Amino acid sequence: MIRPYVDEDVAELLDLWYRASLIAHAFLSDEFLETERSDIADRWLPVAETTVYELDGHVVGFLSMVGNEVGGIFVDPDHQKRGIGRALLDRVRHSHPYLELNVFEANADGRRFYEAYGFEVTGRHFNEEIGQPELRLRLGGDGPQLDSPA
């Protein structure tokens, strides 16, 4: 069942985020992940529109939106490749004129997922804080908005 996030979901949401991040973002330090975990709970969830995918009474996926920006989409590693991420994107796609997000180039599984869904690369930048290149992706609207050359 897909439903809006409620505060009681926070522990399960953070647990699945952490386990999924260890796989998708293996290049991130433990220190960074711990800081990010706190930021998600204290800084991002309060301002984001978050939708969760619940299965048998447990949160197994979530998607957080800030405006048209996909701030995060994560699926429990034990439940990946079952259409949960696609279902979450389907839910928010039709209520936004376009969707945009950043994905680390090193996150090959994430890039394949977004490409298969129809996102297009509109830019690339280097995330100085993480020390990793990221791709900017967009779905919908007037088509890709390519970054102008520097």
C-alpha atoms as a PDB file:
ATOM      1  CA  MET A   1       0.000   0.000   0.000  1.00  0.00           C
ATOM      2  CA  ILE A   2       1.254   3.471  -0.873  1.00  0.00           C
ATOM      3  CA  ARG A   3       0.392   6.153   1.652  1.00  0.00           C
ATOM      4  CA  PRO A   4       1.666   9.446   3.083  1.00  0.00           C
ATOM      5  CA  TYR A   5       4.496   9.333   5.593  1.00  0.00           C
ATOM      6  CA  VAL A   6       3.598   9.719   9.280  1.00  0.00           C
ATOM      7  CA  ASP A   7       6.012  10.474  12.120  1.00  0.00           C
ATOM      8  CA  GLU A   8       5.702   6.910  13.428  1.00  0.00           C
ATOM      9  CA  ASP A   9       7.437   5.704  10.214  1.00  0.00           C
ATOM     10  CA  VAL A  10      10.728   7.432  10.996  1.00  0.00           C
ATOM     11  CA  ALA A  11      12.615   4.498  12.563  1.00  0.00           C
ATOM     12  CA  GLU A  12      11.771   2.059   9.759  1.00  0.00           C
ATOM     13  CA  LEU A  13      12.382   4.699   7.099  1.00  0.00           C
ATOM     14  CA  LEU A  14      15.836   5.551   8.467  1.00  0.00           C
ATOM     15  CA  ASP A  15      16.753   1.891   8.839  1.00  0.00           C
ATOM     16  CA  LEU A  16      15.865   1.037   5.253  1.00  0.00           C
ATOM     17  CA  TRP A  17      17.555   4.232   4.018  1.00  0.00           C
ATOM     18  CA  TYR A  18      20.770   3.242   5.791  1.00  0.00           C
ATOM     19  CA  ARG A  19      20.774  -0.343   4.512  1.00  0.00           C
ATOM     20  CA  ALA A  20      19.993   0.772   0.952  1.00  0.00           C
ATOM     21  CA  SER A  21      22.646   3.503   1.132  1.00  0.00           C
ATOM     22  CA  LEU A  22      25.326   1.002   2.135  1.00  0.00           C
ATOM     23  CA  ILE A  23      24.700  -0.718  -1.207  1.00  0.00           C
ATOM     24  CA  ALA A  24      23.938   2.204  -3.532  1.00  0.00           C
ATOM     25  CA  HIS A  25      26.433   4.594  -1.961  1.00  0.00           C
ATOM     26  CA  ALA A  26      29.225   2.302  -0.769  1.00  0.00           C
ATOM     27  CA  PHE A  27      31.684   5.159  -1.415  1.00  0.00           C
ATOM     28  CA  LEU A  28      30.195   7.273   1.406  1.00  0.00           C
ATOM     29  CA  SER A  29      31.942   7.222   4.785  1.00  0.00           C
ATOM     30  CA  ASP A  30      30.258   5.878   7.908  1.00  0.00           C
ATOM     31  CA  GLU A  31      30.649   9.322   9.460  1.00  0.00           C
ATOM     32  CA  PHE A  32      28.848  10.954   6.547  1.00  0.00           C
ATOM     33  CA  LEU A  33      26.025   8.389   6.652  1.00  0.00           C
ATOM     34  CA  GLU A  34      25.483   8.970  10.370  1.00  0.00           C
ATOM     35  CA  THR A  35      25.330  12.744   9.841  1.00  0.00           C
ATOM     36  CA  GLU A  36      22.978  12.298   6.901  1.00  0.00           C
ATOM     37  CA  ARG A  37      20.714  10.014   8.962  1.00  0.00           C
ATOM     38  CA  SER A  38      20.265  12.806  11.501  1.00  0.00           C
ATOM     39  CA  ASP A  39      19.738  15.397   8.769  1.00  0.00           C
ATOM     40  CA  ILE A  40      17.033  13.275   7.133  1.00  0.00           C
ATOM     41  CA  ALA A  41      15.084  13.001  10.372  1.00  0.00           C
ATOM     42  CA  ASP A  42      15.600  16.543  11.638  1.00  0.00           C
ATOM     43  CA  ARG A  43      16.005  18.638   8.514  1.00  0.00           C
ATOM     44  CA  TRP A  44      14.529  16.938   5.424  1.00  0.00           C
ATOM     45  CA  LEU A  45      11.481  14.930   6.500  1.00  0.00           C
ATOM     46  CA  PRO A  46       9.825  17.975   8.097  1.00  0.00           C
ATOM     47  CA  VAL A  47       9.981  19.949   4.806  1.00  0.00           C
ATOM     48  CA  ALA A  48       9.504  17.146   2.285  1.00  0.00           C
ATOM     49  CA  GLU A  49       6.361  15.546   0.940  1.00  0.00           C
ATOM     50  CA  THR A  50       7.163  11.910   1.676  1.00  0.00           C
ATOM     51  CA  THR A  51       5.275   8.894   0.418  1.00  0.00           C
ATOM     52  CA  VAL A  52       5.913   5.409   1.777  1.00  0.00           C
ATOM     53  CA  TYR A  53       5.318   1.950   0.399  1.00  0.00           C
ATOM     54  CA  GLU A  54       4.037  -0.316   3.153  1.00  0.00           C
ATOM     55  CA  LEU A  55       4.026  -4.090   2.904  1.00  0.00           C
ATOM     56  CA  ASP A  56       2.699  -6.349   5.663  1.00  0.00           C
ATOM     57  CA  GLY A  57       2.675  -3.417   8.082  1.00  0.00           C
ATOM     58  CA  HIS A  58       6.292  -2.384   7.401  1.00  0.00           C
ATOM     59  CA  VAL A  59       7.785   0.479   5.399  1.00  0.00           C
ATOM     60  CA  VAL A  60       9.765  -1.089   2.544  1.00  0.00           C
ATOM     61  CA  GLY A  61      10.239   2.015   0.395  1.00  0.00           C
ATOM     62  CA  PHE A  62       9.854   5.764   0.385  1.00  0.00           C
ATOM     63  CA  LEU A  63      10.097   8.764  -1.891  1.00  0.00           C
ATOM     64  CA  SER A  64      10.579  12.332  -0.663  1.00  0.00           C
ATOM     65  CA  MET A  65       9.741  15.356  -2.799  1.00  0.00           C
ATOM     66  CA  VAL A  66      10.639  19.005  -2.271  1.00  0.00           C
ATOM     67  CA  GLY A  67       8.733  20.827  -4.974  1.00  0.00           C
ATOM     68  CA  ASN A  68       9.580  19.037  -8.232  1.00  0.00           C
ATOM     69  CA  GLU A  69      12.831  17.700  -6.806  1.00  0.00           C
ATOM     70  CA  VAL A  70      13.073  14.016  -5.896  1.00  0.00           C
ATOM     71  CA  GLY A  71      15.043  14.458  -2.688  1.00  0.00           C
ATOM     72  CA  GLY A  72      15.344  10.739  -2.199  1.00  0.00           C
ATOM     73  CA  ILE A  73      13.892   7.428  -3.244  1.00  0.00           C
ATOM     74  CA  PHE A  74      14.981   4.301  -1.422  1.00  0.00           C
ATOM     75  CA  VAL A  75      13.736   0.725  -1.333  1.00  0.00           C
ATOM     76  CA  ASP A  76      14.643  -1.850   1.291  1.00  0.00           C
ATOM     77  CA  PRO A  77      17.393  -4.054  -0.228  1.00  0.00           C
ATOM     78  CA  ASP A  78      15.326  -7.163   0.568  1.00  0.00           C
ATOM     79  CA  HIS A  79      12.454  -5.798  -1.560  1.00  0.00           C
ATOM     80  CA  GLN A  80      14.258  -4.289  -4.545  1.00  0.00           C
ATOM     81  CA  LYS A  81      13.445  -5.210  -8.151  1.00  0.00           C
ATOM     82  CA  ARG A  82       9.775  -5.782  -7.299  1.00  0.00           C
ATOM     83  CA  GLY A  83       8.354  -2.572  -8.765  1.00  0.00           C
ATOM     84  CA  ILE A  84       8.250  -0.599  -5.503  1.00  0.00           C
ATOM     85  CA  GLY A  85      10.443   2.260  -6.726  1.00  0.00           C
ATOM     86  CA  ARG A  86       8.483   2.464  -9.973  1.00  0.00           C
ATOM     87  CA  ALA A  87       5.184   2.501  -8.076  1.00  0.00           C
ATOM     88  CA  LEU A  88       6.397   5.352  -5.860  1.00  0.00           C
ATOM     89  CA  LEU A  89       7.512   7.395  -8.876  1.00  0.00           C
ATOM     90  CA  ASP A  90       4.225   6.646 -10.638  1.00  0.00           C
ATOM     91  CA  ARG A  91       2.368   8.046  -7.618  1.00  0.00           C
ATOM     92  CA  VAL A  92       4.139  11.423  -7.662  1.00  0.00           C
ATOM     93  CA  ARG A  93       4.775  11.774 -11.375  1.00  0.00           C
ATOM     94  CA  HIS A  94       1.284  12.880 -12.333  1.00  0.00           C
ATOM     95  CA  SER A  95       1.033  15.518  -9.624  1.00  0.00           C
ATOM     96  CA  HIS A  96       4.178  17.367 -10.768  1.00  0.00           C
ATOM     97  CA  PRO A  97       4.841  19.071 -14.122  1.00  0.00           C
ATOM     98  CA  TYR A  98       8.323  17.525 -14.157  1.00  0.00           C
ATOM     99  CA  LEU A  99      10.672  15.652 -11.843  1.00  0.00           C
ATOM    100  CA  GLU A 100      14.353  16.376 -11.286  1.00  0.00           C
ATOM    101  CA  LEU A 101      17.045  14.733  -9.208  1.00  0.00           C
ATOM    102  CA  ASN A 102      20.744  14.163  -8.765  1.00  0.00           C
ATOM    103  CA  VAL A 103      22.295  10.697  -8.847  1.00  0.00           C
ATOM    104  CA  PHE A 104      25.910   9.825  -8.176  1.00  0.00           C
ATOM    105  CA  GLU A 105      27.689   8.504 -11.258  1.00  0.00           C
ATOM    106  CA  ALA A 106      29.032   5.684  -9.081  1.00  0.00           C
ATOM    107  CA  ASN A 107      25.465   4.534  -8.320  1.00  0.00           C
ATOM    108  CA  ALA A 108      25.133   2.303 -11.396  1.00  0.00           C
ATOM    109  CA  ASP A 109      21.944   0.592 -10.201  1.00  0.00           C
ATOM    110  CA  GLY A 110      20.273   3.921  -9.512  1.00  0.00           C
ATOM    111  CA  ARG A 111      21.294   5.316 -12.890  1.00  0.00           C
ATOM    112  CA  ARG A 112      19.909   2.243 -14.673  1.00  0.00           C
ATOM    113  CA  PHE A 113      16.637   2.529 -12.739  1.00  0.00           C
ATOM    114  CA  TYR A 114      16.152   6.208 -13.619  1.00  0.00           C
ATOM    115  CA  GLU A 115      17.115   5.662 -17.256  1.00  0.00           C
ATOM    116  CA  ALA A 116      14.646   2.782 -17.576  1.00  0.00           C
ATOM    117  CA  TYR A 117      11.957   5.008 -16.059  1.00  0.00           C
ATOM    118  CA  GLY A 118      12.598   7.682 -18.682  1.00  0.00           C
ATOM    119  CA  PHE A 119      14.746  10.284 -16.935  1.00  0.00           C
ATOM    120  CA  GLU A 120      17.269  12.071 -19.142  1.00  0.00           C
ATOM    121  CA  VAL A 121      20.640  13.491 -18.194  1.00  0.00           C
ATOM    122  CA  THR A 122      20.610  17.283 -18.260  1.00  0.00           C
ATOM    123  CA  GLY A 123      23.927  18.028 -16.614  1.00  0.00           C
ATOM    124  CA  ARG A 124      26.887  16.839 -14.619  1.00  0.00           C
ATOM    125  CA  HIS A 125      28.726  18.392 -11.694  1.00  0.00           C
ATOM    126  CA  PHE A 126      31.228  17.423  -9.040  1.00  0.00           C
ATOM    127  CA  ASN A 127      29.876  17.208  -5.490  1.00  0.00           C
ATOM    128  CA  GLU A 128      32.732  18.774  -3.520  1.00  0.00           C
ATOM    129  CA  GLU A 129      31.365  17.671  -0.132  1.00  0.00           C
ATOM    130  CA  ILE A 130      31.201  14.005  -1.152  1.00  0.00           C
ATOM    131  CA  GLY A 131      34.085  14.035  -3.612  1.00  0.00           C
ATOM    132  CA  GLN A 132      32.010  12.306  -6.297  1.00  0.00           C
ATOM    133  CA  PRO A 133      30.544  13.348  -9.665  1.00  0.00           C
ATOM    134  CA  GLU A 134      26.765  13.566  -9.918  1.00  0.00           C
ATOM    135  CA  LEU A 135      24.404  13.577 -12.856  1.00  0.00           C
ATOM    136  CA  ARG A 136      21.387  15.874 -13.016  1.00  0.00           C
ATOM    137  CA  LEU A 137      18.322  14.078 -14.377  1.00  0.00           C
ATOM    138  CA  ARG A 138      14.904  15.301 -15.505  1.00  0.00           C
ATOM    139  CA  LEU A 139      11.634  13.693 -16.473  1.00  0.00           C
ATOM    140  CA  GLY A 140       8.759  15.550 -18.127  1.00  0.00           C
ATOM    141  CA  GLY A 141       8.076  19.200 -18.637  1.00  0.00           C
ATOM    142  CA  ASP A 142       9.488  20.759 -21.766  1.00  0.00           C
ATOM    143  CA  GLY A 143      12.135  18.079 -22.099  1.00  0.00           C
ATOM    144  CA  PRO A 144      15.697  18.161 -20.851  1.00  0.00           C
ATOM    145  CA  GLN A 145      17.018  21.515 -19.745  1.00  0.00           C
ATOM    146  CA  LEU A 146      20.695  21.196 -20.580  1.00  0.00           C
ATOM    147  CA  ASP A 147      23.158  23.077 -18.434  1.00  0.00           C
ATOM    148  CA  SER A 148      24.823  25.787 -20.435  1.00  0.00           C
ATOM    149  CA  PRO A 149      28.516  25.253 -21.106  1.00  0.00           C
ATOM    150  CA  ALA A 150      30.861  27.002 -18.747  1.00  0.00           C
END
